[in-house]
C-alpha atoms as a PDB file:
ATOM      1  CA  MET A   1      -0.063  -0.099  -0.079  1.00  0.00           C
ATOM      2  CA  ALA A   2       2.888   2.226   0.821  1.00  0.00           C
ATOM      3  CA  ALA A   3       4.269   1.789  -2.665  1.00  0.00           C
ATOM      4  CA  VAL A   4       1.034   2.630  -4.311  1.00  0.00           C
ATOM      5  CA  VAL A   5       0.687   5.777  -2.402  1.00  0.00           C
ATOM      6  CA  LEU A   6       4.254   6.610  -3.261  1.00  0.00           C
ATOM      7  CA  SER A   7       3.573   6.066  -6.870  1.00  0.00           C
ATOM      8  CA  ALA A   8       0.638   8.213  -6.934  1.00  0.00           C
ATOM      9  CA  ASN A   9       2.340  11.065  -5.371  1.00  0.00           C
ATOM     10  CA  ALA A  10       5.676  10.593  -7.228  1.00  0.00           C
ATOM     11  CA  TYR A  11       4.064  11.732 -10.644  1.00  0.00           C
ATOM     12  CA  ASP A  12       3.589  15.171  -9.289  1.00  0.00           C
ATOM     13  CA  VAL A  13       7.303  15.453  -8.298  1.00  0.00           C
ATOM     14  CA  VAL A  14       8.824  13.768 -11.270  1.00  0.00           C
ATOM     15  CA  SER A  15       6.813  16.061 -13.770  1.00  0.00           C
ATOM     16  CA  PHE A  16       9.064  18.866 -12.640  1.00  0.00           C
ATOM     17  CA  PHE A  17      12.207  17.201 -13.734  1.00  0.00           C
ATOM     18  CA  SER A  18      10.742  16.475 -17.198  1.00  0.00           C
ATOM     19  CA  GLN A  19      12.493  18.516 -20.084  1.00  0.00           C
ATOM     20  CA  THR A  20       9.228  20.310 -21.161  1.00  0.00           C
ATOM     21  CA  LYS A  21       9.850  23.987 -20.977  1.00  0.00           C
ATOM     22  CA  ALA A  22       7.926  27.082 -22.143  1.00  0.00           C
ATOM     23  CA  ASN A  23       8.297  27.968 -25.891  1.00  0.00           C
ATOM     24  CA  ALA A  24      11.272  25.812 -26.830  1.00  0.00           C
ATOM     25  CA  GLY A  25      11.443  27.511 -30.105  1.00  0.00           C
ATOM     26  CA  GLY A  26      14.131  30.120 -29.232  1.00  0.00           C
ATOM     27  CA  SER A  27      13.929  33.708 -28.324  1.00  0.00           C
ATOM     28  CA  SER A  28      15.690  36.998 -29.235  1.00  0.00           C
ATOM     29  CA  SER A  29      15.766  38.968 -25.956  1.00  0.00           C
ATOM     30  CA  HIS A  30      16.839  37.708 -22.446  1.00  0.00           C
ATOM     31  CA  ILE A  31      16.621  38.723 -18.897  1.00  0.00           C
ATOM     32  CA  LYS A  32      18.217  37.237 -15.712  1.00  0.00           C
ATOM     33  CA  LEU A  33      16.145  37.612 -12.392  1.00  0.00           C
ATOM     34  CA  VAL A  34      16.906  36.809  -8.771  1.00  0.00           C
ATOM     35  CA  LEU A  35      14.485  36.548  -5.963  1.00  0.00           C
ATOM     36  CA  SER A  36      15.554  36.363  -2.508  1.00  0.00           C
ATOM     37  CA  ASN A  37      13.754  36.327   0.906  1.00  0.00           C
ATOM     38  CA  VAL A  38      16.721  37.692   2.883  1.00  0.00           C
ATOM     39  CA  HIS A  39      15.048  37.297   6.378  1.00  0.00           C
ATOM     40  CA  SER A  40      14.555  40.507   8.278  1.00  0.00           C
ATOM     41  CA  GLY A  41      16.886  39.340  11.073  1.00  0.00           C
ATOM     42  CA  ASN A  42      19.664  38.321   8.918  1.00  0.00           C
ATOM     43  CA  ASP A  43      22.767  40.625   8.788  1.00  0.00           C
ATOM     44  CA  ARG A  44      24.992  38.698   6.427  1.00  0.00           C
ATOM     45  CA  TYR A  45      24.742  41.696   4.000  1.00  0.00           C
ATOM     46  CA  ASP A  46      28.133  41.073   2.255  1.00  0.00           C
ATOM     47  CA  GLU A  47      27.260  37.363   1.439  1.00  0.00           C
ATOM     48  CA  PHE A  48      24.188  38.637  -0.433  1.00  0.00           C
ATOM     49  CA  ILE A  49      25.910  41.433  -2.107  1.00  0.00           C
ATOM     50  CA  ASN A  50      28.685  38.975  -3.229  1.00  0.00           C
ATOM     51  CA  PHE A  51      26.042  36.773  -4.540  1.00  0.00           C
ATOM     52  CA  VAL A  52      24.363  39.438  -6.485  1.00  0.00           C
ATOM     53  CA  LYS A  53      27.625  40.455  -8.029  1.00  0.00           C
ATOM     54  CA  ALA A  54      28.653  36.922  -8.966  1.00  0.00           C
ATOM     55  CA  GLU A  55      25.122  36.182 -10.561  1.00  0.00           C
ATOM     56  CA  SER A  56      24.754  39.674 -12.235  1.00  0.00           C
ATOM     57  CA  PRO A  57      21.088  39.553 -12.651  1.00  0.00           C
ATOM     58  CA  ASP A  58      19.271  42.389 -14.782  1.00  0.00           C
ATOM     59  CA  VAL A  59      16.710  42.560 -11.908  1.00  0.00           C
ATOM     60  CA  PHE A  60      16.809  41.335  -8.370  1.00  0.00           C
ATOM     61  CA  ILE A  61      13.959  41.375  -5.781  1.00  0.00           C
ATOM     62  CA  VAL A  62      14.403  41.308  -1.990  1.00  0.00           C
ATOM     63  CA  LEU A  63      11.716  40.257   0.312  1.00  0.00           C
ATOM     64  CA  GLU A  64      11.683  40.977   4.225  1.00  0.00           C
ATOM     65  CA  MET A  65      13.624  44.049   3.503  1.00  0.00           C
ATOM     66  CA  ASN A  66      14.054  46.486   6.415  1.00  0.00           C
ATOM     67  CA  ARG A  67      15.858  49.794   6.625  1.00  0.00           C
ATOM     68  CA  ALA A  68      19.277  48.111   7.465  1.00  0.00           C
ATOM     69  CA  TRP A  69      19.067  45.812   4.372  1.00  0.00           C
ATOM     70  CA  LEU A  70      18.002  48.872   2.055  1.00  0.00           C
ATOM     71  CA  ASN A  71      20.985  50.806   3.502  1.00  0.00           C
ATOM     72  CA  ALA A  72      23.360  47.934   2.774  1.00  0.00           C
ATOM     73  CA  LEU A  73      22.110  47.494  -0.643  1.00  0.00           C
ATOM     74  CA  GLN A  74      22.985  50.897  -1.708  1.00  0.00           C
ATOM     75  CA  ARG A  75      26.432  49.579  -2.178  1.00  0.00           C
ATOM     76  CA  LEU A  76      24.931  48.197  -5.586  1.00  0.00           C
ATOM     77  CA  LYS A  77      23.553  51.630  -6.545  1.00  0.00           C
ATOM     78  CA  SER A  78      25.874  52.169  -9.337  1.00  0.00           C
ATOM     79  CA  GLN A  79      25.137  48.782 -10.818  1.00  0.00           C
ATOM     80  CA  TYR A  80      21.273  48.938 -10.034  1.00  0.00           C
ATOM     81  CA  PRO A  81      20.361  52.500 -10.117  1.00  0.00           C
ATOM     82  CA  TYR A  82      16.604  51.948 -10.906  1.00  0.00           C
ATOM     83  CA  GLN A  83      14.917  50.867  -7.601  1.00  0.00           C
ATOM     84  CA  ILE A  84      11.545  50.732  -6.006  1.00  0.00           C
ATOM     85  CA  THR A  85      11.727  49.967  -2.350  1.00  0.00           C
ATOM     86  CA  ARG A  86       9.264  49.540   0.724  1.00  0.00           C
ATOM     87  CA  PRO A  87      11.443  48.863   3.807  1.00  0.00           C
ATOM     88  CA  GLN A  88       9.220  47.745   6.904  1.00  0.00           C
ATOM     89  CA  ASN A  89      10.138  46.789  10.534  1.00  0.00           C
ATOM     90  CA  ASP A  90       7.999  43.564  10.135  1.00  0.00           C
ATOM     91  CA  ASN A  91       8.733  40.682   7.673  1.00  0.00           C
ATOM     92  CA  PHE A  92       6.935  42.258   4.581  1.00  0.00           C
ATOM     93  CA  GLY A  93       9.317  44.873   3.365  1.00  0.00           C
ATOM     94  CA  ILE A  94      10.109  44.557  -0.362  1.00  0.00           C
ATOM     95  CA  GLY A  95      12.403  46.021  -2.858  1.00  0.00           C
ATOM     96  CA  LEU A  96      13.106  45.801  -6.574  1.00  0.00           C
ATOM     97  CA  PHE A  97      16.455  46.733  -8.157  1.00  0.00           C
ATOM     98  CA  SER A  98      17.043  47.017 -11.842  1.00  0.00           C
ATOM     99  CA  LYS A  99      20.018  47.744 -14.256  1.00  0.00           C
ATOM    100  CA  ALA A 100      17.773  49.065 -16.898  1.00  0.00           C
ATOM    101  CA  PRO A 101      15.142  51.846 -16.593  1.00  0.00           C
ATOM    102  CA  LEU A 102      11.677  51.018 -15.538  1.00  0.00           C
ATOM    103  CA  ASP A 103       8.865  52.470 -17.634  1.00  0.00           C
ATOM    104  CA  SER A 104       6.503  52.437 -14.568  1.00  0.00           C
ATOM    105  CA  ALA A 105       6.817  51.303 -10.909  1.00  0.00           C
ATOM    106  CA  GLU A 106       4.508  51.306  -8.098  1.00  0.00           C
ATOM    107  CA  ILE A 107       3.827  49.943  -4.687  1.00  0.00           C
ATOM    108  CA  VAL A 108       0.452  48.229  -4.863  1.00  0.00           C
ATOM    109  CA  HIS A 109      -1.498  46.471  -2.087  1.00  0.00           C
ATOM    110  CA  ILE A 110      -3.270  43.303  -3.547  1.00  0.00           C
ATOM    111  CA  GLY A 111      -5.592  41.456  -1.301  1.00  0.00           C
ATOM    112  CA  GLN A 112      -7.347  42.106   2.001  1.00  0.00           C
ATOM    113  CA  ALA A 113      -4.151  41.791   4.224  1.00  0.00           C
ATOM    114  CA  GLY A 114      -3.002  45.055   2.647  1.00  0.00           C
ATOM    115  CA  LEU A 115       0.773  43.980   2.504  1.00  0.00           C
ATOM    116  CA  PRO A 116       2.868  45.871  -0.098  1.00  0.00           C
ATOM    117  CA  SER A 117       3.636  44.222  -3.464  1.00  0.00           C
ATOM    118  CA  ILE A 118       5.572  45.847  -6.422  1.00  0.00           C
ATOM    119  CA  LYS A 119       4.296  46.113  -9.996  1.00  0.00           C
ATOM    120  CA  VAL A 120       6.765  47.311 -12.681  1.00  0.00           C
ATOM    121  CA  SER A 121       6.719  47.653 -16.470  1.00  0.00           C
ATOM    122  CA  SER A 122       9.965  47.511 -18.581  1.00  0.00           C
ATOM    123  CA  SER A 123      11.343  46.073 -21.614  1.00  0.00           C
ATOM    124  CA  ILE A 124      13.515  43.306 -22.681  1.00  0.00           C
ATOM    125  CA  GLY A 125      15.226  44.503 -25.677  1.00  0.00           C
ATOM    126  CA  GLU A 126      12.382  46.309 -27.467  1.00  0.00           C
ATOM    127  CA  LYS A 127       9.597  43.980 -25.981  1.00  0.00           C
ATOM    128  CA  PRO A 128       7.436  45.369 -23.090  1.00  0.00           C
ATOM    129  CA  TYR A 129       6.824  43.073 -20.064  1.00  0.00           C
ATOM    130  CA  THR A 130       5.058  43.502 -16.624  1.00  0.00           C
ATOM    131  CA  LEU A 131       6.377  42.035 -13.330  1.00  0.00           C
ATOM    132  CA  ILE A 132       4.668  41.636 -10.036  1.00  0.00           C
ATOM    133  CA  ALA A 133       6.607  40.809  -6.826  1.00  0.00           C
ATOM    134  CA  THR A 134       4.730  39.780  -3.856  1.00  0.00           C
ATOM    135  CA  HIS A 135       4.861  38.142  -0.316  1.00  0.00           C
ATOM    136  CA  PRO A 136       1.683  36.813   1.113  1.00  0.00           C
ATOM    137  CA  LEU A 137       1.173  35.923   4.787  1.00  0.00           C
ATOM    138  CA  PRO A 138       2.341  32.376   5.940  1.00  0.00           C
ATOM    139  CA  PRO A 139      -0.459  30.021   6.676  1.00  0.00           C
ATOM    140  CA  ILE A 140       0.387  29.615  10.333  1.00  0.00           C
ATOM    141  CA  ASN A 141      -3.166  30.080  11.703  1.00  0.00           C
ATOM    142  CA  PRO A 142      -6.621  30.202  10.114  1.00  0.00           C
ATOM    143  CA  MET A 143      -6.749  33.919   9.724  1.00  0.00           C
ATOM    144  CA  PHE A 144      -3.406  33.960   7.823  1.00  0.00           C
ATOM    145  CA  PHE A 145      -4.286  30.920   5.878  1.00  0.00           C
ATOM    146  CA  SER A 146      -7.464  32.747   4.594  1.00  0.00           C
ATOM    147  CA  ASP A 147      -5.689  35.974   3.976  1.00  0.00           C
ATOM    148  CA  ARG A 148      -2.865  34.124   1.957  1.00  0.00           C
ATOM    149  CA  ASN A 149      -5.389  32.362  -0.150  1.00  0.00           C
ATOM    150  CA  GLN A 150      -7.310  35.643  -0.779  1.00  0.00           C
ATOM    151  CA  GLN A 151      -4.291  37.310  -1.813  1.00  0.00           C
ATOM    152  CA  LEU A 152      -3.499  34.474  -4.465  1.00  0.00           C
ATOM    153  CA  GLU A 153      -7.071  34.961  -5.848  1.00  0.00           C
ATOM    154  CA  ALA A 154      -6.665  38.788  -5.977  1.00  0.00           C
ATOM    155  CA  LEU A 155      -3.224  38.305  -7.771  1.00  0.00           C
ATOM    156  CA  ALA A 156      -4.794  36.164 -10.267  1.00  0.00           C
ATOM    157  CA  ASP A 157      -7.307  38.882 -10.957  1.00  0.00           C
ATOM    158  CA  GLU A 158      -4.703  41.511 -11.079  1.00  0.00           C
ATOM    159  CA  LEU A 159      -2.661  39.469 -13.541  1.00  0.00           C
ATOM    160  CA  SER A 160      -5.704  38.947 -15.796  1.00  0.00           C
ATOM    161  CA  LEU A 161      -5.857  42.801 -16.355  1.00  0.00           C
ATOM    162  CA  ILE A 162      -2.263  42.804 -17.789  1.00  0.00           C
ATOM    163  CA  ASP A 163      -1.955  42.411 -21.649  1.00  0.00           C
ATOM    164  CA  THR A 164       1.784  42.373 -21.835  1.00  0.00           C
ATOM    165  CA  PRO A 165       3.949  39.307 -21.319  1.00  0.00           C
ATOM    166  CA  LYS A 166       3.934  38.942 -17.537  1.00  0.00           C
ATOM    167  CA  ILE A 167       6.018  37.530 -14.733  1.00  0.00           C
ATOM    168  CA  LEU A 168       4.892  36.884 -11.017  1.00  0.00           C
ATOM    169  CA  MET A 169       7.713  36.459  -8.492  1.00  0.00           C
ATOM    170  CA  GLY A 170       7.465  35.799  -4.642  1.00  0.00           C
ATOM    171  CA  ASP A 171       7.700  33.865  -1.589  1.00  0.00           C
ATOM    172  CA  LEU A 172       4.116  32.750  -1.996  1.00  0.00           C
ATOM    173  CA  ASN A 173       4.249  30.650   1.231  1.00  0.00           C
ATOM    174  CA  VAL A 174       2.554  27.748  -0.699  1.00  0.00           C
ATOM    175  CA  THR A 175       4.058  24.803  -2.705  1.00  0.00           C
ATOM    176  CA  MET A 176       3.152  23.802  -6.157  1.00  0.00           C
ATOM    177  CA  TRP A 177       0.943  20.929  -4.979  1.00  0.00           C
ATOM    178  CA  SER A 178      -1.516  22.910  -3.017  1.00  0.00           C
ATOM    179  CA  ASP A 179      -4.837  23.322  -4.380  1.00  0.00           C
ATOM    180  CA  ASP A 180      -4.566  27.181  -3.792  1.00  0.00           C
ATOM    181  CA  TYR A 181      -1.592  27.177  -5.778  1.00  0.00           C
ATOM    182  CA  THR A 182      -2.889  25.248  -8.684  1.00  0.00           C
ATOM    183  CA  ARG A 183      -6.023  27.413  -8.970  1.00  0.00           C
ATOM    184  CA  LEU A 184      -3.573  30.449  -9.300  1.00  0.00           C
ATOM    185  CA  GLU A 185      -1.755  28.738 -12.212  1.00  0.00           C
ATOM    186  CA  ALA A 186      -4.967  27.527 -13.879  1.00  0.00           C
ATOM    187  CA  SER A 187      -6.815  31.034 -13.636  1.00  0.00           C
ATOM    188  CA  THR A 188      -3.644  32.892 -15.084  1.00  0.00           C
ATOM    189  CA  SER A 189      -2.461  30.281 -17.597  1.00  0.00           C
ATOM    190  CA  MET A 190       1.059  30.884 -16.381  1.00  0.00           C
ATOM    191  CA  GLN A 191       3.720  28.271 -15.856  1.00  0.00           C
ATOM    192  CA  ASN A 192       6.250  27.609 -12.959  1.00  0.00           C
ATOM    193  CA  THR A 193       9.631  28.077 -14.080  1.00  0.00           C
ATOM    194  CA  ARG A 194      10.659  25.014 -12.248  1.00  0.00           C
ATOM    195  CA  ILE A 195       9.357  22.939 -14.951  1.00  0.00           C
ATOM    196  CA  GLY A 196      12.153  20.879 -16.365  1.00  0.00           C
ATOM    197  CA  PHE A 197      14.656  22.012 -13.724  1.00  0.00           C
ATOM    198  CA  GLY A 198      13.406  20.051 -10.566  1.00  0.00           C
ATOM    199  CA  VAL A 199      11.676  20.719  -7.438  1.00  0.00           C
ATOM    200  CA  LEU A 200      14.231  22.995  -6.173  1.00  0.00           C
ATOM    201  CA  PRO A 201      13.154  23.396  -2.366  1.00  0.00           C
ATOM    202  CA  THR A 202      13.936  26.893  -1.004  1.00  0.00           C
ATOM    203  CA  TRP A 203      12.710  26.638   2.710  1.00  0.00           C
ATOM    204  CA  PRO A 204      14.156  25.972   5.160  1.00  0.00           C
ATOM    205  CA  ALA A 205      17.470  26.799   3.491  1.00  0.00           C
ATOM    206  CA  GLN A 206      19.305  24.424   5.937  1.00  0.00           C
ATOM    207  CA  SER A 207      17.435  21.469   4.943  1.00  0.00           C
ATOM    208  CA  SER A 208      17.873  19.997   1.622  1.00  0.00           C
ATOM    209  CA  VAL A 209      16.159  16.665   2.272  1.00  0.00           C
ATOM    210  CA  PHE A 210      12.982  18.043   3.954  1.00  0.00           C
ATOM    211  CA  GLY A 211      12.892  21.555   2.362  1.00  0.00           C
ATOM    212  CA  ILE A 212       9.850  22.660   0.394  1.00  0.00           C
ATOM    213  CA  PRO A 213       9.572  25.048  -2.632  1.00  0.00           C
ATOM    214  CA  ILE A 214       7.583  28.096  -1.592  1.00  0.00           C
ATOM    215  CA  ASP A 215       9.572  30.782  -3.426  1.00  0.00           C
ATOM    216  CA  HIS A 216       8.244  31.005  -7.063  1.00  0.00           C
ATOM    217  CA  CYS A 217       8.421  32.583 -10.447  1.00  0.00           C
ATOM    218  CA  LEU A 218       5.561  32.114 -12.756  1.00  0.00           C
ATOM    219  CA  VAL A 219       5.583  33.343 -16.331  1.00  0.00           C
ATOM    220  CA  SER A 220       3.145  33.673 -19.293  1.00  0.00           C
ATOM    221  CA  ASP A 221       3.487  31.600 -22.417  1.00  0.00           C
ATOM    222  CA  GLU A 222       5.496  34.295 -24.332  1.00  0.00           C
ATOM    223  CA  PHE A 223       8.612  33.313 -22.117  1.00  0.00           C
ATOM    224  CA  GLU A 224      11.074  30.705 -22.707  1.00  0.00           C
ATOM    225  CA  VAL A 225      12.663  29.465 -19.447  1.00  0.00           C
ATOM    226  CA  LEU A 226      16.343  29.021 -20.225  1.00  0.00           C
ATOM    227  CA  GLU A 227      17.584  28.371 -16.722  1.00  0.00           C
ATOM    228  CA  MET A 228      16.209  27.921 -13.232  1.00  0.00           C
ATOM    229  CA  LYS A 229      18.300  27.133 -10.252  1.00  0.00           C
ATOM    230  CA  LEU A 230      18.827  27.760  -6.523  1.00  0.00           C
ATOM    231  CA  GLY A 231      21.215  30.492  -5.359  1.00  0.00           C
ATOM    232  CA  ALA A 232      23.925  30.461  -2.650  1.00  0.00           C
ATOM    233  CA  ASP A 233      23.129  30.370   1.024  1.00  0.00           C
ATOM    234  CA  ILE A 234      23.205  33.948   2.140  1.00  0.00           C
ATOM    235  CA  GLY A 235      22.356  33.384   5.866  1.00  0.00           C
ATOM    236  CA  SER A 236      18.500  33.381   5.342  1.00  0.00           C
ATOM    237  CA  ASP A 237      16.055  30.661   6.136  1.00  0.00           C
ATOM    238  CA  HIS A 238      15.155  30.790   2.479  1.00  0.00           C
ATOM    239  CA  LEU A 239      17.638  30.122  -0.624  1.00  0.00           C
ATOM    240  CA  PRO A 240      17.412  32.471  -3.441  1.00  0.00           C
ATOM    241  CA  ILE A 241      16.235  31.613  -6.825  1.00  0.00           C
ATOM    242  CA  VAL A 242      17.813  32.421 -10.132  1.00  0.00           C
ATOM    243  CA  MET A 243      16.032  32.547 -13.488  1.00  0.00           C
ATOM    244  CA  ARG A 244      17.034  33.304 -17.007  1.00  0.00           C
ATOM    245  CA  LEU A 245      14.228  33.872 -19.424  1.00  0.00           C
ATOM    246  CA  GLY A 246      13.943  34.453 -23.206  1.00  0.00           C
ATOM    247  CA  LEU A 247      10.970  36.518 -24.733  1.00  0.00           C
END
């Protein structure tokens, strides 16, 4: 019976190791992205800065960003002059840092919990795209569970209004196997960039065996996923994720 149960569940895991990726026909414009929940109590700023320098993404997003993290990241100001940030004293500060100009950038509050998210529009080559970065509540009690799910639904509504190629990035505090996550994918017709690259667990960072994938990047079908991997341990309870996309 254990073997039957294991086999039934294995399909949902093995599917992330398949080689089916979005739009395998090739693309002319590329972007590299990093998402990192740095943990508000983490002060290993140098390790994260060195990680960003080594990866050299076009855009990186920081979650749980407080004022100390924002101040430390100004050492990257010359490489990433285009920024939109909302540092907070709780675990829901957020910031986006870009090498290229942003056509528009705003802090938005998606969902009834009122947590800050970031919505930006920019271009990859000459091709416009829209990116939303977000961080819903963790489902640690019934109220947070409800608010997280409501925010995922509100994100789907927001994404449905966007008519350019779109990217959703965030610590969504949910795995790909949750019904609440699968409804988000189904209602947006977006794909997780993990497909073809493995499960890639991000939390807790110190447990490679029992970790779960809760930090995500979803893309609309105009994108080709060229690379998806875990980043270095930068002292947080989350590992960063690194994506390279073609459009």
